[in-house]
Amino acid sequence: MDETLARVVLDISGRPYLVWKVRFTQEKLGEWDTELIEH
């Protein structure tokens, strides 16, 4: 998306696991707290 490039890889494994390597530099997008996106 414009200057940004993200990569998402997943396996519907039945074994939940998240590896998150994303960094936000502001606290909100609209009214949504960016710390909640990973959650």
PDB file of all heavy atoms in Angstrom:
ATOM      1  N   MET A   1       0.862  -1.176   0.000  1.00  0.00           N
ATOM      2  CA  MET A   1       0.000   0.000   0.000  1.00  0.00           C
ATOM      3  C   MET A   1       0.898   1.225   0.000  1.00  0.00           C
ATOM      4  O   MET A   1       1.543   1.541   1.004  1.00  0.00           O
ATOM      5  CB  MET A   1      -0.948   0.013   1.190  1.00  0.00           C
ATOM      6  CG  MET A   1      -1.982   1.134   1.070  1.00  0.00           C
ATOM      7  SD  MET A   1      -3.354   0.967   2.215  1.00  0.00           S
ATOM      8  CE  MET A   1      -4.386   2.312   1.624  1.00  0.00           C
ATOM      9  N   ASP A   2       0.986   1.844  -1.148  1.00  0.00           N
ATOM     10  CA  ASP A   2       1.878   2.981  -1.343  1.00  0.00           C
ATOM     11  C   ASP A   2       3.304   2.635  -0.887  1.00  0.00           C
ATOM     12  O   ASP A   2       3.916   1.717  -1.415  1.00  0.00           O
ATOM     13  CB  ASP A   2       1.330   4.231  -0.656  1.00  0.00           C
ATOM     14  CG  ASP A   2       0.016   4.701  -1.289  1.00  0.00           C
ATOM     15  OD1 ASP A   2      -0.376   4.144  -2.336  1.00  0.00           O
ATOM     16  OD2 ASP A   2      -0.613   5.606  -0.738  1.00  0.00           O
ATOM     17  N   GLU A   3       3.800   3.312   0.140  1.00  0.00           N
ATOM     18  CA  GLU A   3       5.194   3.106   0.560  1.00  0.00           C
ATOM     19  C   GLU A   3       5.386   1.879   1.450  1.00  0.00           C
ATOM     20  O   GLU A   3       6.511   1.537   1.815  1.00  0.00           O
ATOM     21  CB  GLU A   3       5.707   4.360   1.299  1.00  0.00           C
ATOM     22  CG  GLU A   3       5.422   4.437   2.799  1.00  0.00           C
ATOM     23  CD  GLU A   3       3.954   4.452   3.209  1.00  0.00           C
ATOM     24  OE1 GLU A   3       3.098   4.754   2.351  1.00  0.00           O
ATOM     25  OE2 GLU A   3       3.671   4.145   4.375  1.00  0.00           O
ATOM     26  N   THR A   4       4.298   1.221   1.782  1.00  0.00           N
ATOM     27  CA  THR A   4       4.319   0.129   2.757  1.00  0.00           C
ATOM     28  C   THR A   4       4.235  -1.234   2.068  1.00  0.00           C
ATOM     29  O   THR A   4       3.515  -1.380   1.074  1.00  0.00           O
ATOM     30  CB  THR A   4       3.130   0.280   3.727  1.00  0.00           C
ATOM     31  OG1 THR A   4       3.305   1.475   4.490  1.00  0.00           O
ATOM     32  CG2 THR A   4       3.009  -0.905   4.667  1.00  0.00           C
ATOM     33  N   LEU A   5       4.929  -2.218   2.624  1.00  0.00           N
ATOM     34  CA  LEU A   5       4.800  -3.597   2.168  1.00  0.00           C
ATOM     35  C   LEU A   5       4.713  -4.499   3.392  1.00  0.00           C
ATOM     36  O   LEU A   5       5.566  -4.445   4.285  1.00  0.00           O
ATOM     37  CB  LEU A   5       5.986  -4.018   1.300  1.00  0.00           C
ATOM     38  CG  LEU A   5       5.907  -5.438   0.711  1.00  0.00           C
ATOM     39  CD1 LEU A   5       4.712  -5.580  -0.233  1.00  0.00           C
ATOM     40  CD2 LEU A   5       7.201  -5.784  -0.023  1.00  0.00           C
ATOM     41  N   ALA A   6       3.662  -5.300   3.436  1.00  0.00           N
ATOM     42  CA  ALA A   6       3.463  -6.254   4.531  1.00  0.00           C
ATOM     43  C   ALA A   6       3.470  -7.670   3.979  1.00  0.00           C
ATOM     44  O   ALA A   6       3.091  -7.903   2.834  1.00  0.00           O
ATOM     45  CB  ALA A   6       2.143  -5.978   5.245  1.00  0.00           C
ATOM     46  N   ARG A   7       3.879  -8.610   4.826  1.00  0.00           N
ATOM     47  CA  ARG A   7       3.860 -10.030   4.467  1.00  0.00           C
ATOM     48  C   ARG A   7       3.059 -10.778   5.533  1.00  0.00           C
ATOM     49  O   ARG A   7       3.317 -10.617   6.731  1.00  0.00           O
ATOM     50  CB  ARG A   7       5.273 -10.592   4.382  1.00  0.00           C
ATOM     51  CG  ARG A   7       5.306 -12.105   4.146  1.00  0.00           C
ATOM     52  CD  ARG A   7       6.700 -12.597   3.794  1.00  0.00           C
ATOM     53  NE  ARG A   7       7.692 -12.195   4.778  1.00  0.00           N
ATOM     54  CZ  ARG A   7       8.981 -12.006   4.490  1.00  0.00           C
ATOM     55  NH1 ARG A   7       9.440 -12.143   3.268  1.00  0.00           N
ATOM     56  NH2 ARG A   7       9.827 -11.667   5.455  1.00  0.00           N
ATOM     57  N   VAL A   8       2.122 -11.604   5.098  1.00  0.00           N
ATOM     58  CA  VAL A   8       1.318 -12.421   6.006  1.00  0.00           C
ATOM     59  C   VAL A   8       1.382 -13.862   5.519  1.00  0.00           C
ATOM     60  O   VAL A   8       1.103 -14.144   4.351  1.00  0.00           O
ATOM     61  CB  VAL A   8      -0.149 -11.951   6.062  1.00  0.00           C
ATOM     62  CG1 VAL A   8      -0.954 -12.837   7.012  1.00  0.00           C
ATOM     63  CG2 VAL A   8      -0.227 -10.487   6.490  1.00  0.00           C
ATOM     64  N   VAL A   9       1.757 -14.761   6.412  1.00  0.00           N
ATOM     65  CA  VAL A   9       1.844 -16.187   6.098  1.00  0.00           C
ATOM     66  C   VAL A   9       1.094 -16.930   7.195  1.00  0.00           C
ATOM     67  O   VAL A   9       1.280 -16.637   8.381  1.00  0.00           O
ATOM     68  CB  VAL A   9       3.312 -16.667   6.041  1.00  0.00           C
ATOM     69  CG1 VAL A   9       3.386 -18.136   5.630  1.00  0.00           C
ATOM     70  CG2 VAL A   9       4.135 -15.797   5.093  1.00  0.00           C
ATOM     71  N   LEU A  10       0.250 -17.892   6.801  1.00  0.00           N
ATOM     72  CA  LEU A  10      -0.530 -18.589   7.816  1.00  0.00           C
ATOM     73  C   LEU A  10      -0.756 -20.046   7.456  1.00  0.00           C
ATOM     74  O   LEU A  10      -0.648 -20.451   6.304  1.00  0.00           O
ATOM     75  CB  LEU A  10      -1.868 -17.877   8.055  1.00  0.00           C
ATOM     76  CG  LEU A  10      -2.865 -17.772   6.901  1.00  0.00           C
ATOM     77  CD1 LEU A  10      -3.757 -19.018   6.821  1.00  0.00           C
ATOM     78  CD2 LEU A  10      -3.737 -16.540   7.083  1.00  0.00           C
ATOM     79  N   ASP A  11      -1.076 -20.798   8.495  1.00  0.00           N
ATOM     80  CA  ASP A  11      -1.388 -22.215   8.413  1.00  0.00           C
ATOM     81  C   ASP A  11      -2.628 -22.439   9.282  1.00  0.00           C
ATOM     82  O   ASP A  11      -2.621 -22.108  10.470  1.00  0.00           O
ATOM     83  CB  ASP A  11      -0.200 -23.027   8.935  1.00  0.00           C
ATOM     84  CG  ASP A  11      -0.453 -24.525   9.015  1.00  0.00           C
ATOM     85  OD1 ASP A  11      -1.479 -25.000   8.486  1.00  0.00           O
ATOM     86  OD2 ASP A  11       0.399 -25.218   9.609  1.00  0.00           O
ATOM     87  N   ILE A  12      -3.682 -22.985   8.675  1.00  0.00           N
ATOM     88  CA  ILE A  12      -4.867 -23.341   9.468  1.00  0.00           C
ATOM     89  C   ILE A  12      -4.552 -24.684  10.125  1.00  0.00           C
ATOM     90  O   ILE A  12      -5.033 -25.735   9.733  1.00  0.00           O
ATOM     91  CB  ILE A  12      -6.128 -23.401   8.595  1.00  0.00           C
ATOM     92  CG1 ILE A  12      -6.335 -22.068   7.867  1.00  0.00           C
ATOM     93  CG2 ILE A  12      -7.355 -23.712   9.460  1.00  0.00           C
ATOM     94  CD1 ILE A  12      -7.518 -22.059   6.905  1.00  0.00           C
ATOM     95  N   SER A  13      -3.714 -24.619  11.112  1.00  0.00           N
ATOM     96  CA  SER A  13      -3.089 -25.793  11.723  1.00  0.00           C
ATOM     97  C   SER A  13      -3.884 -26.362  12.885  1.00  0.00           C
ATOM     98  O   SER A  13      -3.669 -27.499  13.296  1.00  0.00           O
ATOM     99  CB  SER A  13      -1.695 -25.419  12.237  1.00  0.00           C
ATOM    100  OG  SER A  13      -1.810 -24.415  13.239  1.00  0.00           O
ATOM    101  N   GLY A  14      -4.774 -25.535  13.462  1.00  0.00           N
ATOM    102  CA  GLY A  14      -5.417 -25.908  14.715  1.00  0.00           C
ATOM    103  C   GLY A  14      -4.536 -25.640  15.922  1.00  0.00           C
ATOM    104  O   GLY A  14      -4.933 -25.907  17.059  1.00  0.00           O
ATOM    105  N   ARG A  15      -3.342 -25.106  15.699  1.00  0.00           N
ATOM    106  CA  ARG A  15      -2.403 -24.775  16.779  1.00  0.00           C
ATOM    107  C   ARG A  15      -2.179 -23.259  16.767  1.00  0.00           C
ATOM    108  O   ARG A  15      -1.366 -22.753  15.996  1.00  0.00           O
ATOM    109  CB  ARG A  15      -1.082 -25.527  16.591  1.00  0.00           C
ATOM    110  CG  ARG A  15      -1.233 -27.033  16.662  1.00  0.00           C
ATOM    111  CD  ARG A  15       0.123 -27.737  16.583  1.00  0.00           C
ATOM    112  NE  ARG A  15       0.906 -27.335  15.429  1.00  0.00           N
ATOM    113  CZ  ARG A  15       0.747 -27.866  14.195  1.00  0.00           C
ATOM    114  NH1 ARG A  15      -0.175 -28.771  13.973  1.00  0.00           N
ATOM    115  NH2 ARG A  15       1.499 -27.468  13.205  1.00  0.00           N
ATOM    116  N   PRO A  16      -2.894 -22.537  17.610  1.00  0.00           N
ATOM    117  CA  PRO A  16      -2.816 -21.073  17.571  1.00  0.00           C
ATOM    118  C   PRO A  16      -1.429 -20.554  17.944  1.00  0.00           C
ATOM    119  O   PRO A  16      -0.856 -20.955  18.963  1.00  0.00           O
ATOM    120  CB  PRO A  16      -3.841 -20.639  18.628  1.00  0.00           C
ATOM    121  CG  PRO A  16      -4.709 -21.829  18.860  1.00  0.00           C
ATOM    122  CD  PRO A  16      -3.854 -23.016  18.610  1.00  0.00           C
ATOM    123  N   TYR A  17      -0.911 -19.654  17.118  1.00  0.00           N
ATOM    124  CA  TYR A  17       0.372 -19.016  17.410  1.00  0.00           C
ATOM    125  C   TYR A  17       0.459 -17.755  16.561  1.00  0.00           C
ATOM    126  O   TYR A  17       0.127 -17.785  15.374  1.00  0.00           O
ATOM    127  CB  TYR A  17       1.534 -19.955  17.078  1.00  0.00           C
ATOM    128  CG  TYR A  17       2.816 -19.571  17.777  1.00  0.00           C
ATOM    129  CD1 TYR A  17       3.148 -20.130  19.000  1.00  0.00           C
ATOM    130  CD2 TYR A  17       3.684 -18.640  17.218  1.00  0.00           C
ATOM    131  CE1 TYR A  17       4.322 -19.777  19.661  1.00  0.00           C
ATOM    132  CE2 TYR A  17       4.849 -18.269  17.872  1.00  0.00           C
ATOM    133  CZ  TYR A  17       5.166 -18.849  19.083  1.00  0.00           C
ATOM    134  OH  TYR A  17       6.317 -18.492  19.736  1.00  0.00           O
ATOM    135  N   LEU A  18       0.888 -16.674  17.166  1.00  0.00           N
ATOM    136  CA  LEU A  18       1.066 -15.423  16.435  1.00  0.00           C
ATOM    137  C   LEU A  18       2.496 -14.947  16.563  1.00  0.00           C
ATOM    138  O   LEU A  18       3.024 -14.835  17.671  1.00  0.00           O
ATOM    139  CB  LEU A  18       0.125 -14.333  16.982  1.00  0.00           C
ATOM    140  CG  LEU A  18       0.317 -12.930  16.378  1.00  0.00           C
ATOM    141  CD1 LEU A  18      -0.061 -12.907  14.900  1.00  0.00           C
ATOM    142  CD2 LEU A  18      -0.492 -11.888  17.155  1.00  0.00           C
ATOM    143  N   VAL A  19       3.114 -14.665  15.431  1.00  0.00           N
ATOM    144  CA  VAL A  19       4.380 -13.934  15.381  1.00  0.00           C
ATOM    145  C   VAL A  19       4.048 -12.573  14.772  1.00  0.00           C
ATOM    146  O   VAL A  19       3.528 -12.495  13.652  1.00  0.00           O
ATOM    147  CB  VAL A  19       5.439 -14.667  14.538  1.00  0.00           C
ATOM    148  CG1 VAL A  19       6.694 -13.810  14.414  1.00  0.00           C
ATOM    149  CG2 VAL A  19       5.768 -16.022  15.160  1.00  0.00           C
ATOM    150  N   TRP A  20       4.328 -11.511  15.512  1.00  0.00           N
ATOM    151  CA  TRP A  20       3.920 -10.150  15.134  1.00  0.00           C
ATOM    152  C   TRP A  20       5.154  -9.272  15.047  1.00  0.00           C
ATOM    153  O   TRP A  20       5.818  -9.013  16.056  1.00  0.00           O
ATOM    154  CB  TRP A  20       2.947  -9.614  16.172  1.00  0.00           C
ATOM    155  CG  TRP A  20       2.421  -8.230  15.932  1.00  0.00           C
ATOM    156  CD1 TRP A  20       2.848  -7.079  16.519  1.00  0.00           C
ATOM    157  CD2 TRP A  20       1.341  -7.862  15.058  1.00  0.00           C
ATOM    158  NE1 TRP A  20       2.101  -6.019  16.076  1.00  0.00           N
ATOM    159  CE2 TRP A  20       1.176  -6.469  15.179  1.00  0.00           C
ATOM    160  CE3 TRP A  20       0.508  -8.584  14.194  1.00  0.00           C
ATOM    161  CZ2 TRP A  20       0.194  -5.778  14.452  1.00  0.00           C
ATOM    162  CZ3 TRP A  20      -0.468  -7.886  13.487  1.00  0.00           C
ATOM    163  CH2 TRP A  20      -0.607  -6.503  13.615  1.00  0.00           C
ATOM    164  N   LYS A  21       5.466  -8.807  13.851  1.00  0.00           N
ATOM    165  CA  LYS A  21       6.612  -7.914  13.650  1.00  0.00           C
ATOM    166  C   LYS A  21       6.145  -6.685  12.890  1.00  0.00           C
ATOM    167  O   LYS A  21       6.491  -6.459  11.734  1.00  0.00           O
ATOM    168  CB  LYS A  21       7.730  -8.648  12.918  1.00  0.00           C
ATOM    169  CG  LYS A  21       8.273  -9.829  13.723  1.00  0.00           C
ATOM    170  CD  LYS A  21       9.541 -10.394  13.145  1.00  0.00           C
ATOM    171  CE  LYS A  21      10.095 -11.487  14.059  1.00  0.00           C
ATOM    172  NZ  LYS A  21      11.359 -12.047  13.559  1.00  0.00           N
ATOM    173  N   VAL A  22       5.316  -5.912  13.577  1.00  0.00           N
ATOM    174  CA  VAL A  22       4.719  -4.699  13.019  1.00  0.00           C
ATOM    175  C   VAL A  22       4.894  -3.593  14.047  1.00  0.00           C
ATOM    176  O   VAL A  22       4.716  -3.818  15.243  1.00  0.00           O
ATOM    177  CB  VAL A  22       3.221  -4.908  12.717  1.00  0.00           C
ATOM    178  CG1 VAL A  22       2.595  -3.634  12.158  1.00  0.00           C
ATOM    179  CG2 VAL A  22       3.014  -6.082  11.769  1.00  0.00           C
ATOM    180  N   ARG A  23       5.225  -2.409  13.587  1.00  0.00           N
ATOM    181  CA  ARG A  23       5.482  -1.301  14.509  1.00  0.00           C
ATOM    182  C   ARG A  23       4.687  -0.072  14.087  1.00  0.00           C
ATOM    183  O   ARG A  23       4.786   0.390  12.945  1.00  0.00           O
ATOM    184  CB  ARG A  23       6.980  -0.972  14.500  1.00  0.00           C
ATOM    185  CG  ARG A  23       7.376   0.164  15.427  1.00  0.00           C
ATOM    186  CD  ARG A  23       8.897   0.314  15.502  1.00  0.00           C
ATOM    187  NE  ARG A  23       9.275   1.558  16.147  1.00  0.00           N
ATOM    188  CZ  ARG A  23       9.470   2.706  15.511  1.00  0.00           C
ATOM    189  NH1 ARG A  23       9.345   2.756  14.195  1.00  0.00           N
ATOM    190  NH2 ARG A  23       9.816   3.795  16.169  1.00  0.00           N
ATOM    191  N   PHE A  24       3.875   0.411  15.019  1.00  0.00           N
ATOM    192  CA  PHE A  24       3.132   1.653  14.803  1.00  0.00           C
ATOM    193  C   PHE A  24       3.792   2.785  15.578  1.00  0.00           C
ATOM    194  O   PHE A  24       4.330   2.570  16.666  1.00  0.00           O
ATOM    195  CB  PHE A  24       1.676   1.492  15.254  1.00  0.00           C
ATOM    196  CG  PHE A  24       0.901   0.512  14.425  1.00  0.00           C
ATOM    197  CD1 PHE A  24       0.655  -0.767  14.903  1.00  0.00           C
ATOM    198  CD2 PHE A  24       0.443   0.845  13.165  1.00  0.00           C
ATOM    199  CE1 PHE A  24      -0.047  -1.683  14.137  1.00  0.00           C
ATOM    200  CE2 PHE A  24      -0.262  -0.067  12.390  1.00  0.00           C
ATOM    201  CZ  PHE A  24      -0.512  -1.337  12.882  1.00  0.00           C
ATOM    202  N   THR A  25       3.743   3.983  15.001  1.00  0.00           N
ATOM    203  CA  THR A  25       4.418   5.126  15.617  1.00  0.00           C
ATOM    204  C   THR A  25       3.428   6.173  16.125  1.00  0.00           C
ATOM    205  O   THR A  25       3.847   7.246  16.536  1.00  0.00           O
ATOM    206  CB  THR A  25       5.385   5.778  14.618  1.00  0.00           C
ATOM    207  OG1 THR A  25       4.649   6.179  13.448  1.00  0.00           O
ATOM    208  CG2 THR A  25       6.496   4.810  14.220  1.00  0.00           C
ATOM    209  N   GLN A  26       2.138   5.859  16.067  1.00  0.00           N
ATOM    210  CA  GLN A  26       1.156   6.751  16.664  1.00  0.00           C
ATOM    211  C   GLN A  26       0.191   5.916  17.492  1.00  0.00           C
ATOM    212  O   GLN A  26       0.040   4.719  17.276  1.00  0.00           O
ATOM    213  CB  GLN A  26       0.429   7.572  15.600  1.00  0.00           C
ATOM    214  CG  GLN A  26      -0.391   6.775  14.614  1.00  0.00           C
ATOM    215  CD  GLN A  26      -0.882   7.635  13.458  1.00  0.00           C
ATOM    216  OE1 GLN A  26      -0.089   8.264  12.761  1.00  0.00           O
ATOM    217  NE2 GLN A  26      -2.197   7.665  13.246  1.00  0.00           N
ATOM    218  N   GLU A  27      -0.455   6.563  18.444  1.00  0.00           N
ATOM    219  CA  GLU A  27      -1.278   5.840  19.413  1.00  0.00           C
ATOM    220  C   GLU A  27      -2.643   5.456  18.889  1.00  0.00           C
ATOM    221  O   GLU A  27      -3.245   4.491  19.369  1.00  0.00           O
ATOM    222  CB  GLU A  27      -1.441   6.686  20.685  1.00  0.00           C
ATOM    223  CG  GLU A  27      -0.156   6.865  21.466  1.00  0.00           C
ATOM    224  CD  GLU A  27      -0.377   7.629  22.761  1.00  0.00           C
ATOM    225  OE1 GLU A  27      -1.545   8.030  23.021  1.00  0.00           O
ATOM    226  OE2 GLU A  27       0.595   7.817  23.504  1.00  0.00           O
ATOM    227  N   LYS A  28      -3.160   6.169  17.900  1.00  0.00           N
ATOM    228  CA  LYS A  28      -4.506   5.900  17.417  1.00  0.00           C
ATOM    229  C   LYS A  28      -4.572   5.973  15.895  1.00  0.00           C
ATOM    230  O   LYS A  28      -3.828   6.719  15.262  1.00  0.00           O
ATOM    231  CB  LYS A  28      -5.502   6.911  18.001  1.00  0.00           C
ATOM    232  CG  LYS A  28      -5.770   6.736  19.493  1.00  0.00           C
ATOM    233  CD  LYS A  28      -6.807   7.718  19.987  1.00  0.00           C
ATOM    234  CE  LYS A  28      -7.079   7.545  21.480  1.00  0.00           C
ATOM    235  NZ  LYS A  28      -7.796   6.293  21.778  1.00  0.00           N
ATOM    236  N   LEU A  29      -5.480   5.176  15.333  1.00  0.00           N
ATOM    237  CA  LEU A  29      -5.907   5.317  13.942  1.00  0.00           C
ATOM    238  C   LEU A  29      -7.403   5.585  14.005  1.00  0.00           C
ATOM    239  O   LEU A  29      -8.163   4.729  14.456  1.00  0.00           O
ATOM    240  CB  LEU A  29      -5.610   4.048  13.148  1.00  0.00           C
ATOM    241  CG  LEU A  29      -4.144   3.838  12.790  1.00  0.00           C
ATOM    242  CD1 LEU A  29      -3.899   2.422  12.292  1.00  0.00           C
ATOM    243  CD2 LEU A  29      -3.689   4.855  11.753  1.00  0.00           C
ATOM    244  N   GLY A  30      -7.812   6.794  13.598  1.00  0.00           N
ATOM    245  CA  GLY A  30      -9.157   7.215  13.923  1.00  0.00           C
ATOM    246  C   GLY A  30      -9.272   7.245  15.433  1.00  0.00           C
ATOM    247  O   GLY A  30      -8.448   7.845  16.121  1.00  0.00           O
ATOM    248  N   GLU A  31     -10.260   6.526  15.969  1.00  0.00           N
ATOM    249  CA  GLU A  31     -10.386   6.437  17.422  1.00  0.00           C
ATOM    250  C   GLU A  31      -9.871   5.111  17.963  1.00  0.00           C
ATOM    251  O   GLU A  31      -9.971   4.844  19.165  1.00  0.00           O
ATOM    252  CB  GLU A  31     -11.858   6.640  17.839  1.00  0.00           C
ATOM    253  CG  GLU A  31     -12.783   5.486  17.519  1.00  0.00           C
ATOM    254  CD  GLU A  31     -13.320   5.457  16.086  1.00  0.00           C
ATOM    255  OE1 GLU A  31     -12.693   6.039  15.182  1.00  0.00           O
ATOM    256  OE2 GLU A  31     -14.381   4.839  15.885  1.00  0.00           O
ATOM    257  N   TRP A  32      -9.305   4.258  17.086  1.00  0.00           N
ATOM    258  CA  TRP A  32      -8.875   2.924  17.483  1.00  0.00           C
ATOM    259  C   TRP A  32      -7.442   2.953  18.016  1.00  0.00           C
ATOM    260  O   TRP A  32      -6.546   3.460  17.344  1.00  0.00           O
ATOM    261  CB  TRP A  32      -8.983   1.971  16.299  1.00  0.00           C
ATOM    262  CG  TRP A  32      -8.953   0.509  16.648  1.00  0.00           C
ATOM    263  CD1 TRP A  32      -9.321  -0.066  17.825  1.00  0.00           C
ATOM    264  CD2 TRP A  32      -8.543  -0.559  15.789  1.00  0.00           C
ATOM    265  NE1 TRP A  32      -9.175  -1.437  17.751  1.00  0.00           N
ATOM    266  CE2 TRP A  32      -8.698  -1.763  16.518  1.00  0.00           C
ATOM    267  CE3 TRP A  32      -8.065  -0.612  14.492  1.00  0.00           C
ATOM    268  CZ2 TRP A  32      -8.395  -3.008  15.977  1.00  0.00           C
ATOM    269  CZ3 TRP A  32      -7.770  -1.850  13.947  1.00  0.00           C
ATOM    270  CH2 TRP A  32      -7.929  -3.035  14.689  1.00  0.00           C
ATOM    271  N   ASP A  33      -7.227   2.423  19.220  1.00  0.00           N
ATOM    272  CA  ASP A  33      -5.890   2.371  19.804  1.00  0.00           C
ATOM    273  C   ASP A  33      -5.029   1.378  19.035  1.00  0.00           C
ATOM    274  O   ASP A  33      -5.382   0.199  18.908  1.00  0.00           O
ATOM    275  CB  ASP A  33      -5.964   1.926  21.268  1.00  0.00           C
ATOM    276  CG  ASP A  33      -6.752   2.887  22.138  1.00  0.00           C
ATOM    277  OD1 ASP A  33      -6.726   4.095  21.832  1.00  0.00           O
ATOM    278  OD2 ASP A  33      -7.399   2.428  23.097  1.00  0.00           O
ATOM    279  N   THR A  34      -3.889   1.828  18.536  1.00  0.00           N
ATOM    280  CA  THR A  34      -3.061   0.952  17.698  1.00  0.00           C
ATOM    281  C   THR A  34      -2.482  -0.218  18.491  1.00  0.00           C
ATOM    282  O   THR A  34      -2.178  -1.266  17.905  1.00  0.00           O
ATOM    283  CB  THR A  34      -1.923   1.737  17.020  1.00  0.00           C
ATOM    284  OG1 THR A  34      -1.199   2.495  18.007  1.00  0.00           O
ATOM    285  CG2 THR A  34      -2.446   2.675  15.957  1.00  0.00           C
ATOM    286  N   GLU A  35      -2.350  -0.112  19.807  1.00  0.00           N
ATOM    287  CA  GLU A  35      -1.855  -1.244  20.584  1.00  0.00           C
ATOM    288  C   GLU A  35      -2.830  -2.425  20.552  1.00  0.00           C
ATOM    289  O   GLU A  35      -2.452  -3.562  20.844  1.00  0.00           O
ATOM    290  CB  GLU A  35      -1.571  -0.845  22.032  1.00  0.00           C
ATOM    291  CG  GLU A  35      -2.818  -0.608  22.872  1.00  0.00           C
ATOM    292  CD  GLU A  35      -2.492  -0.444  24.349  1.00  0.00           C
ATOM    293  OE1 GLU A  35      -1.299  -0.355  24.691  1.00  0.00           O
ATOM    294  OE2 GLU A  35      -3.444  -0.413  25.148  1.00  0.00           O
ATOM    295  N   LEU A  36      -4.079  -2.169  20.166  1.00  0.00           N
ATOM    296  CA  LEU A  36      -5.080  -3.234  20.115  1.00  0.00           C
ATOM    297  C   LEU A  36      -5.038  -4.035  18.819  1.00  0.00           C
ATOM    298  O   LEU A  36      -5.661  -5.096  18.723  1.00  0.00           O
ATOM    299  CB  LEU A  36      -6.473  -2.643  20.302  1.00  0.00           C
ATOM    300  CG  LEU A  36      -6.760  -2.034  21.674  1.00  0.00           C
ATOM    301  CD1 LEU A  36      -8.137  -1.374  21.684  1.00  0.00           C
ATOM    302  CD2 LEU A  36      -6.648  -3.085  22.770  1.00  0.00           C
ATOM    303  N   ILE A  37      -4.312  -3.564  17.824  1.00  0.00           N
ATOM    304  CA  ILE A  37      -4.285  -4.258  16.531  1.00  0.00           C
ATOM    305  C   ILE A  37      -3.612  -5.619  16.666  1.00  0.00           C
ATOM    306  O   ILE A  37      -4.143  -6.635  16.186  1.00  0.00           O
ATOM    307  CB  ILE A  37      -3.602  -3.374  15.466  1.00  0.00           C
ATOM    308  CG1 ILE A  37      -4.409  -2.088  15.270  1.00  0.00           C
ATOM    309  CG2 ILE A  37      -3.459  -4.137  14.144  1.00  0.00           C
ATOM    310  CD1 ILE A  37      -3.716  -1.025  14.461  1.00  0.00           C
ATOM    311  N   GLU A  38      -2.473  -5.664  17.317  1.00  0.00           N
ATOM    312  CA  GLU A  38      -1.828  -6.954  17.562  1.00  0.00           C
ATOM    313  C   GLU A  38      -2.754  -7.874  18.347  1.00  0.00           C
ATOM    314  O   GLU A  38      -2.837  -9.082  18.070  1.00  0.00           O
ATOM    315  CB  GLU A  38      -0.509  -6.764  18.318  1.00  0.00           C
ATOM    316  CG  GLU A  38       0.189  -8.076  18.655  1.00  0.00           C
ATOM    317  CD  GLU A  38       1.472  -7.888  19.435  1.00  0.00           C
ATOM    318  OE1 GLU A  38       1.848  -6.735  19.727  1.00  0.00           O
ATOM    319  OE2 GLU A  38       2.120  -8.911  19.760  1.00  0.00           O
ATOM    320  N   HIS A  39      -3.444  -7.310  19.325  1.00  0.00           N
ATOM    321  CA  HIS A  39      -4.331  -8.123  20.161  1.00  0.00           C
ATOM    322  C   HIS A  39      -5.488  -8.699  19.345  1.00  0.00           C
ATOM    323  O   HIS A  39      -5.926  -9.826  19.588  1.00  0.00           O
ATOM    324  CB  HIS A  39      -4.852  -7.293  21.328  1.00  0.00           C
ATOM    325  CG  HIS A  39      -5.526  -8.097  22.377  1.00  0.00           C
ATOM    326  ND1 HIS A  39      -4.933  -9.170  23.000  1.00  0.00           N
ATOM    327  CD2 HIS A  39      -6.781  -8.009  22.899  1.00  0.00           C
ATOM    328  CE1 HIS A  39      -5.767  -9.708  23.870  1.00  0.00           C
ATOM    329  NE2 HIS A  39      -6.902  -9.025  23.826  1.00  0.00           N
TER     330      HIS A  39
END
